N, C-alpha and C. Protein backbone atom coordinates (compact mmCIF):
# COMPACT_ATOMS: atom_id res chain seq x y z
N MET A 1 -5.07 14.55 -23.30
CA MET A 1 -4.86 15.99 -23.25
C MET A 1 -5.60 16.62 -24.39
N ASN A 2 -6.48 17.62 -24.12
CA ASN A 2 -7.20 18.22 -25.25
C ASN A 2 -6.28 19.27 -25.88
N GLY A 3 -6.76 19.84 -27.04
CA GLY A 3 -5.95 20.78 -27.81
C GLY A 3 -5.47 22.06 -27.03
N GLN A 4 -6.37 22.60 -26.17
CA GLN A 4 -5.89 23.76 -25.44
C GLN A 4 -4.86 23.40 -24.39
N ASP A 5 -5.10 22.27 -23.73
CA ASP A 5 -4.14 21.77 -22.76
C ASP A 5 -2.80 21.51 -23.38
N MET A 6 -2.87 20.85 -24.59
CA MET A 6 -1.66 20.60 -25.25
C MET A 6 -0.89 21.80 -25.72
N SER A 7 -1.63 22.86 -26.08
CA SER A 7 -1.00 24.14 -26.38
C SER A 7 -0.26 24.81 -25.20
N LYS A 8 -0.92 24.65 -23.98
CA LYS A 8 -0.29 25.14 -22.79
C LYS A 8 0.98 24.33 -22.44
N TYR A 9 0.88 23.04 -22.70
CA TYR A 9 2.01 22.20 -22.48
C TYR A 9 3.18 22.49 -23.38
N VAL A 10 2.91 22.73 -24.68
CA VAL A 10 3.94 23.05 -25.64
C VAL A 10 4.55 24.43 -25.28
N ASP A 11 3.78 25.36 -24.89
CA ASP A 11 4.29 26.68 -24.47
C ASP A 11 5.24 26.51 -23.27
N PHE A 12 4.84 25.68 -22.33
CA PHE A 12 5.70 25.44 -21.20
C PHE A 12 7.04 24.80 -21.58
N ILE A 13 6.99 23.76 -22.46
CA ILE A 13 8.13 23.07 -22.92
C ILE A 13 9.13 24.04 -23.61
N LEU A 14 8.54 24.92 -24.46
CA LEU A 14 9.37 25.84 -25.28
C LEU A 14 10.02 26.83 -24.30
N ALA A 15 9.37 27.14 -23.21
CA ALA A 15 9.91 28.14 -22.25
C ALA A 15 10.87 27.60 -21.26
N LEU A 16 10.97 26.21 -21.28
CA LEU A 16 11.77 25.46 -20.22
C LEU A 16 13.20 25.27 -20.64
N GLU A 17 14.07 25.40 -19.58
CA GLU A 17 15.51 25.10 -19.80
C GLU A 17 16.04 24.33 -18.67
N LEU A 18 16.75 23.22 -18.91
CA LEU A 18 17.43 22.47 -17.94
C LEU A 18 18.71 23.15 -17.49
N LYS A 19 18.89 23.38 -16.26
CA LYS A 19 20.01 24.07 -15.66
C LYS A 19 20.98 23.15 -15.01
N ASP A 20 20.54 22.15 -14.30
CA ASP A 20 21.37 21.27 -13.55
C ASP A 20 20.77 19.92 -13.34
N ILE A 21 21.68 18.90 -13.23
CA ILE A 21 21.27 17.54 -12.81
C ILE A 21 22.28 17.14 -11.80
N SER A 22 21.80 16.75 -10.65
CA SER A 22 22.73 16.30 -9.58
C SER A 22 22.24 15.01 -8.94
N LEU A 23 23.21 14.22 -8.52
CA LEU A 23 22.91 12.99 -7.72
C LEU A 23 22.58 13.44 -6.27
N LYS A 24 21.36 13.00 -5.80
CA LYS A 24 21.05 13.20 -4.35
C LYS A 24 21.18 11.97 -3.49
N GLU A 25 20.90 10.82 -4.09
CA GLU A 25 20.94 9.53 -3.24
C GLU A 25 21.39 8.42 -4.09
N LEU A 26 22.25 7.49 -3.59
CA LEU A 26 22.61 6.38 -4.31
C LEU A 26 22.76 5.27 -3.24
N LYS A 27 22.07 4.20 -3.43
CA LYS A 27 22.08 3.15 -2.42
C LYS A 27 22.02 1.78 -3.29
N ALA A 28 22.95 0.93 -3.08
CA ALA A 28 23.04 -0.36 -3.77
C ALA A 28 23.36 -1.44 -2.80
N THR A 29 22.66 -2.60 -3.05
CA THR A 29 22.93 -3.83 -2.27
C THR A 29 22.87 -5.04 -3.19
N VAL A 30 23.96 -5.83 -3.18
CA VAL A 30 23.97 -7.06 -3.92
C VAL A 30 24.07 -8.18 -2.97
N ARG A 31 23.26 -9.25 -3.27
CA ARG A 31 23.26 -10.48 -2.48
C ARG A 31 23.88 -11.61 -3.15
N ARG A 32 23.87 -11.58 -4.49
CA ARG A 32 24.46 -12.78 -5.31
C ARG A 32 24.74 -12.33 -6.67
N ARG A 33 25.72 -12.92 -7.22
CA ARG A 33 26.06 -12.76 -8.60
C ARG A 33 25.16 -13.69 -9.49
N ILE A 34 24.56 -13.05 -10.46
CA ILE A 34 23.64 -13.74 -11.38
C ILE A 34 23.84 -13.25 -12.77
N PRO A 35 23.99 -14.08 -13.76
CA PRO A 35 24.20 -13.61 -15.17
C PRO A 35 22.89 -12.80 -15.59
N PRO A 36 23.15 -11.70 -16.31
CA PRO A 36 21.99 -10.89 -16.70
C PRO A 36 20.84 -11.64 -17.32
N GLU A 37 21.09 -12.74 -18.07
CA GLU A 37 20.01 -13.47 -18.72
C GLU A 37 19.10 -14.19 -17.75
N HIS A 38 19.50 -14.23 -16.49
CA HIS A 38 18.69 -14.91 -15.43
C HIS A 38 18.08 -13.93 -14.51
N ILE A 39 18.04 -12.60 -14.90
CA ILE A 39 17.56 -11.55 -14.04
C ILE A 39 16.32 -10.92 -14.65
N LYS A 40 15.31 -10.68 -13.77
CA LYS A 40 14.17 -9.88 -14.13
C LYS A 40 14.21 -8.62 -13.26
N VAL A 41 14.02 -7.48 -13.96
CA VAL A 41 14.12 -6.26 -13.27
C VAL A 41 12.74 -5.53 -13.09
N ALA A 42 12.46 -5.15 -11.86
CA ALA A 42 11.20 -4.39 -11.61
C ALA A 42 11.71 -3.02 -11.11
N HIS A 43 10.98 -1.95 -11.50
CA HIS A 43 11.26 -0.64 -10.98
C HIS A 43 10.07 0.19 -10.62
N ARG A 44 10.36 1.06 -9.80
CA ARG A 44 9.26 1.99 -9.32
C ARG A 44 9.93 3.42 -9.31
N ILE A 45 9.24 4.35 -9.92
CA ILE A 45 9.70 5.66 -10.01
C ILE A 45 8.72 6.66 -9.35
N THR A 46 9.20 7.57 -8.54
CA THR A 46 8.47 8.55 -7.92
C THR A 46 9.08 9.94 -8.28
N VAL A 47 8.28 10.93 -8.32
CA VAL A 47 8.71 12.28 -8.63
C VAL A 47 8.05 13.24 -7.80
N GLU A 48 8.86 14.18 -7.27
CA GLU A 48 8.29 15.26 -6.43
C GLU A 48 8.81 16.56 -7.06
N HIS A 49 8.10 17.63 -6.95
CA HIS A 49 8.55 18.95 -7.49
C HIS A 49 8.34 20.04 -6.48
N GLU A 50 9.18 21.09 -6.69
CA GLU A 50 9.12 22.28 -5.79
C GLU A 50 9.32 23.52 -6.59
N PHE A 51 8.36 24.43 -6.54
CA PHE A 51 8.58 25.75 -7.18
C PHE A 51 9.49 26.52 -6.26
N LEU A 52 10.54 27.17 -6.89
CA LEU A 52 11.46 27.95 -6.14
C LEU A 52 11.08 29.49 -6.38
N ASP A 53 12.16 30.22 -6.61
CA ASP A 53 11.89 31.64 -6.98
C ASP A 53 11.11 31.59 -8.31
N GLU A 54 10.62 32.77 -8.71
CA GLU A 54 9.82 32.95 -9.87
C GLU A 54 10.62 32.31 -11.06
N GLY A 55 9.99 31.50 -11.82
CA GLY A 55 10.56 30.90 -12.99
C GLY A 55 11.51 29.79 -12.75
N LYS A 56 11.53 29.21 -11.54
CA LYS A 56 12.41 28.06 -11.23
C LYS A 56 11.68 27.01 -10.63
N ILE A 57 11.98 25.76 -11.04
CA ILE A 57 11.32 24.61 -10.44
C ILE A 57 12.38 23.46 -10.40
N ASP A 58 12.37 22.69 -9.27
CA ASP A 58 13.26 21.51 -9.14
C ASP A 58 12.35 20.26 -9.08
N PHE A 59 12.81 19.18 -9.63
CA PHE A 59 12.22 17.95 -9.57
C PHE A 59 13.18 16.96 -9.03
N ILE A 60 12.72 16.08 -8.05
CA ILE A 60 13.45 14.96 -7.53
C ILE A 60 12.81 13.69 -8.12
N VAL A 61 13.74 12.98 -8.87
CA VAL A 61 13.25 11.71 -9.47
C VAL A 61 13.92 10.64 -8.67
N ARG A 62 13.16 9.75 -8.09
CA ARG A 62 13.70 8.62 -7.31
C ARG A 62 13.28 7.31 -7.96
N ALA A 63 14.32 6.61 -8.35
CA ALA A 63 14.08 5.30 -9.03
C ALA A 63 14.63 4.10 -8.22
N GLU A 64 13.75 3.18 -7.97
CA GLU A 64 14.08 2.03 -7.13
C GLU A 64 14.02 0.74 -8.04
N PHE A 65 15.08 0.05 -8.01
CA PHE A 65 15.18 -1.14 -8.80
C PHE A 65 15.35 -2.41 -7.99
N LYS A 66 14.64 -3.43 -8.31
CA LYS A 66 14.81 -4.79 -7.74
C LYS A 66 15.18 -5.75 -8.84
N PHE A 67 16.34 -6.42 -8.67
CA PHE A 67 16.78 -7.38 -9.62
C PHE A 67 16.49 -8.81 -9.05
N ARG A 68 15.67 -9.53 -9.73
CA ARG A 68 15.31 -10.87 -9.10
C ARG A 68 15.79 -12.02 -10.07
N ASP A 69 16.17 -13.07 -9.39
CA ASP A 69 16.53 -14.25 -10.05
C ASP A 69 15.26 -14.92 -10.62
N VAL A 70 15.21 -15.12 -11.90
CA VAL A 70 13.96 -15.57 -12.61
C VAL A 70 13.60 -17.00 -12.11
N ASP A 71 14.53 -17.78 -11.70
CA ASP A 71 14.19 -19.16 -11.26
C ASP A 71 13.64 -19.16 -9.80
N SER A 72 14.42 -18.54 -8.92
CA SER A 72 14.08 -18.55 -7.48
C SER A 72 13.17 -17.35 -7.07
N ARG A 73 13.15 -16.31 -7.90
CA ARG A 73 12.33 -15.10 -7.59
C ARG A 73 12.89 -14.34 -6.42
N LYS A 74 14.06 -14.70 -5.88
CA LYS A 74 14.72 -14.06 -4.84
C LYS A 74 15.41 -12.74 -5.40
N VAL A 75 15.40 -11.72 -4.50
CA VAL A 75 16.09 -10.48 -4.92
C VAL A 75 17.58 -10.72 -4.87
N ALA A 76 18.22 -10.49 -6.05
CA ALA A 76 19.72 -10.64 -6.12
C ALA A 76 20.34 -9.30 -5.80
N ALA A 77 19.74 -8.14 -6.06
CA ALA A 77 20.25 -6.92 -5.84
C ALA A 77 19.12 -5.83 -5.80
N SER A 78 19.48 -4.70 -5.29
CA SER A 78 18.60 -3.58 -5.33
C SER A 78 19.41 -2.28 -5.44
N ILE A 79 18.83 -1.31 -6.17
CA ILE A 79 19.50 -0.06 -6.44
C ILE A 79 18.47 1.08 -6.24
N THR A 80 18.79 2.11 -5.47
CA THR A 80 17.97 3.24 -5.37
C THR A 80 18.81 4.50 -5.80
N ILE A 81 18.29 5.25 -6.69
CA ILE A 81 18.92 6.42 -7.25
C ILE A 81 17.97 7.58 -7.18
N SER A 82 18.40 8.71 -6.68
CA SER A 82 17.60 9.92 -6.64
C SER A 82 18.42 11.07 -7.31
N LEU A 83 17.79 11.67 -8.30
CA LEU A 83 18.38 12.76 -9.00
C LEU A 83 17.58 14.10 -8.83
N LYS A 84 18.29 15.16 -8.78
CA LYS A 84 17.54 16.47 -8.75
C LYS A 84 17.78 17.13 -10.09
N LEU A 85 16.71 17.46 -10.74
CA LEU A 85 16.81 18.22 -11.99
C LEU A 85 16.23 19.58 -11.80
N SER A 86 17.09 20.56 -12.03
CA SER A 86 16.59 21.98 -11.83
C SER A 86 16.45 22.63 -13.16
N TYR A 87 15.24 23.31 -13.32
CA TYR A 87 14.85 23.98 -14.53
C TYR A 87 14.57 25.43 -14.29
N THR A 88 14.59 26.19 -15.30
CA THR A 88 14.02 27.57 -15.37
C THR A 88 12.95 27.56 -16.50
N TYR A 89 12.07 28.53 -16.29
CA TYR A 89 11.10 28.73 -17.38
C TYR A 89 10.74 30.25 -17.37
N SER A 90 10.40 30.73 -18.58
CA SER A 90 10.13 32.16 -18.76
C SER A 90 8.94 32.56 -17.89
N GLY A 91 8.96 33.77 -17.35
CA GLY A 91 7.96 34.25 -16.44
C GLY A 91 6.65 34.40 -17.05
N SER A 92 6.52 34.37 -18.36
CA SER A 92 5.23 34.53 -19.06
C SER A 92 4.42 33.21 -19.14
N VAL A 93 5.17 32.12 -18.84
CA VAL A 93 4.50 30.81 -18.86
C VAL A 93 4.42 30.32 -17.42
N GLU A 94 3.26 30.22 -16.94
CA GLU A 94 3.00 29.75 -15.59
C GLU A 94 2.32 28.39 -15.60
N PRO A 95 3.14 27.32 -15.31
CA PRO A 95 2.50 25.96 -15.41
C PRO A 95 1.49 25.65 -14.39
N ASP A 96 0.39 24.99 -14.80
CA ASP A 96 -0.60 24.51 -13.80
C ASP A 96 -0.29 23.09 -13.41
N GLU A 97 -1.06 22.55 -12.50
CA GLU A 97 -0.77 21.20 -12.02
C GLU A 97 -0.91 20.11 -13.09
N GLU A 98 -1.83 20.28 -14.06
CA GLU A 98 -1.99 19.30 -15.12
C GLU A 98 -0.81 19.31 -16.02
N THR A 99 -0.19 20.53 -16.32
CA THR A 99 0.95 20.62 -17.11
C THR A 99 2.18 20.05 -16.41
N ILE A 100 2.28 20.25 -15.11
CA ILE A 100 3.41 19.65 -14.38
C ILE A 100 3.34 18.13 -14.37
N GLU A 101 2.14 17.64 -14.19
CA GLU A 101 1.92 16.20 -14.05
C GLU A 101 2.16 15.55 -15.41
N GLU A 102 1.82 16.23 -16.51
CA GLU A 102 2.18 15.70 -17.89
C GLU A 102 3.68 15.72 -18.09
N PHE A 103 4.36 16.74 -17.66
CA PHE A 103 5.80 16.84 -17.70
C PHE A 103 6.49 15.79 -16.93
N LYS A 104 6.03 15.58 -15.68
CA LYS A 104 6.57 14.50 -14.89
C LYS A 104 6.63 13.10 -15.49
N SER A 105 5.57 12.80 -16.22
CA SER A 105 5.39 11.45 -16.74
C SER A 105 5.99 11.34 -18.23
N THR A 106 6.46 12.42 -18.76
CA THR A 106 7.01 12.24 -20.11
C THR A 106 8.33 12.96 -20.20
N SER A 107 8.30 14.19 -20.54
CA SER A 107 9.67 14.89 -20.84
C SER A 107 10.63 14.80 -19.74
N LEU A 108 10.19 15.02 -18.46
CA LEU A 108 11.14 14.79 -17.31
C LEU A 108 11.81 13.52 -17.34
N MET A 109 11.07 12.45 -17.57
CA MET A 109 11.65 11.13 -17.52
C MET A 109 12.62 10.93 -18.70
N LEU A 110 12.30 11.56 -19.87
CA LEU A 110 13.24 11.48 -21.03
C LEU A 110 14.51 12.18 -20.64
N ASN A 111 14.48 13.19 -19.86
CA ASN A 111 15.77 13.89 -19.42
C ASN A 111 16.46 13.09 -18.40
N ALA A 112 15.72 12.54 -17.47
CA ALA A 112 16.42 11.83 -16.32
C ALA A 112 16.83 10.35 -16.71
N TRP A 113 16.10 9.73 -17.53
CA TRP A 113 16.40 8.26 -17.75
C TRP A 113 17.78 7.91 -18.24
N PRO A 114 18.40 8.72 -19.11
CA PRO A 114 19.85 8.30 -19.50
C PRO A 114 20.76 8.42 -18.25
N TYR A 115 20.57 9.25 -17.39
CA TYR A 115 21.40 9.40 -16.19
C TYR A 115 21.10 8.19 -15.22
N ILE A 116 19.91 7.80 -15.08
CA ILE A 116 19.51 6.69 -14.33
C ILE A 116 20.11 5.41 -14.91
N ARG A 117 20.07 5.27 -16.27
CA ARG A 117 20.64 4.11 -16.86
C ARG A 117 22.11 4.07 -16.68
N PHE A 118 22.82 5.22 -16.80
CA PHE A 118 24.19 5.27 -16.55
C PHE A 118 24.61 4.70 -15.23
N TRP A 119 23.87 5.25 -14.12
CA TRP A 119 24.20 4.75 -12.75
C TRP A 119 23.92 3.28 -12.58
N VAL A 120 22.79 2.77 -13.20
CA VAL A 120 22.47 1.36 -12.99
C VAL A 120 23.52 0.53 -13.70
N GLN A 121 23.93 0.88 -14.84
CA GLN A 121 24.88 0.10 -15.56
C GLN A 121 26.31 0.12 -14.84
N THR A 122 26.66 1.31 -14.35
CA THR A 122 27.91 1.40 -13.62
C THR A 122 27.87 0.56 -12.32
N ILE A 123 26.80 0.65 -11.64
CA ILE A 123 26.64 -0.13 -10.33
C ILE A 123 26.61 -1.64 -10.55
N THR A 124 25.80 -2.02 -11.49
CA THR A 124 25.74 -3.50 -11.77
C THR A 124 27.08 -4.11 -12.24
N GLN A 125 27.79 -3.28 -12.98
CA GLN A 125 29.20 -3.81 -13.40
C GLN A 125 30.06 -3.77 -12.15
N SER A 126 29.90 -2.93 -11.22
CA SER A 126 30.73 -2.94 -10.02
C SER A 126 30.28 -4.13 -9.14
N PHE A 127 29.03 -4.71 -9.35
CA PHE A 127 28.72 -5.89 -8.65
C PHE A 127 29.48 -7.15 -9.23
N GLY A 128 30.16 -6.94 -10.33
CA GLY A 128 30.79 -8.02 -10.96
C GLY A 128 29.90 -8.72 -12.00
N TRP A 129 28.74 -8.06 -12.30
CA TRP A 129 27.86 -8.58 -13.38
C TRP A 129 28.40 -8.26 -14.72
N SER A 130 27.92 -8.97 -15.68
CA SER A 130 28.20 -8.65 -17.08
C SER A 130 27.48 -7.31 -17.36
N PRO A 131 27.89 -6.56 -18.46
CA PRO A 131 27.12 -5.34 -18.68
C PRO A 131 25.68 -5.50 -18.70
N PHE A 132 24.93 -4.60 -18.06
CA PHE A 132 23.49 -4.66 -17.92
C PHE A 132 22.92 -3.37 -18.38
N LEU A 133 22.00 -3.39 -19.37
CA LEU A 133 21.49 -2.17 -19.87
C LEU A 133 19.94 -2.17 -19.62
N LEU A 134 19.46 -1.10 -18.99
CA LEU A 134 18.01 -0.92 -18.82
C LEU A 134 17.38 -0.65 -20.14
N PRO A 135 16.15 -1.07 -20.32
CA PRO A 135 15.47 -0.80 -21.61
C PRO A 135 15.07 0.69 -21.74
N LEU A 136 14.68 1.03 -22.94
CA LEU A 136 14.25 2.40 -23.06
C LEU A 136 12.97 2.63 -22.30
N ILE A 137 12.75 3.89 -21.94
CA ILE A 137 11.52 4.23 -21.18
C ILE A 137 10.63 4.75 -22.33
N LYS A 138 9.35 4.21 -22.33
CA LYS A 138 8.44 4.48 -23.43
C LYS A 138 7.07 5.00 -22.93
N PHE A 139 6.56 5.91 -23.62
CA PHE A 139 5.26 6.53 -23.24
C PHE A 139 4.31 6.26 -24.37
N ILE A 140 3.23 5.57 -24.08
CA ILE A 140 2.23 5.24 -25.07
C ILE A 140 0.86 5.55 -24.53
N GLU A 141 0.22 6.43 -25.16
CA GLU A 141 -1.14 6.87 -24.72
C GLU A 141 -2.14 6.61 -25.76
């Protein structure tokens, strides 16, 4: 991101306010109990956005997790979580697609990830597994 684009992004972030986070979808399947030290987690995240009335935007963050036995590589469990994050921004800042894409891959995920981690930990414990904590989400460019 060049200096001018970074300035637009900073202006957008400063004008942005998170208004609501709500759970839209939750699906969990467990096939077998496995100790966390024998599990490898793979995840896929998709994000959609929708501009609403002037100065309002919603993002749907969908996170899909597959928990595999490291020995057999079989899927021991899967979890899908979708969250809706609703934001407002000042009318003087009109985000372009590049700004929205940057937001989706950084700040949005920093806002959503703690909620996703909460649901994954709660669900895996309800599977009867020992406490399981997802790693931090990191952005390195």
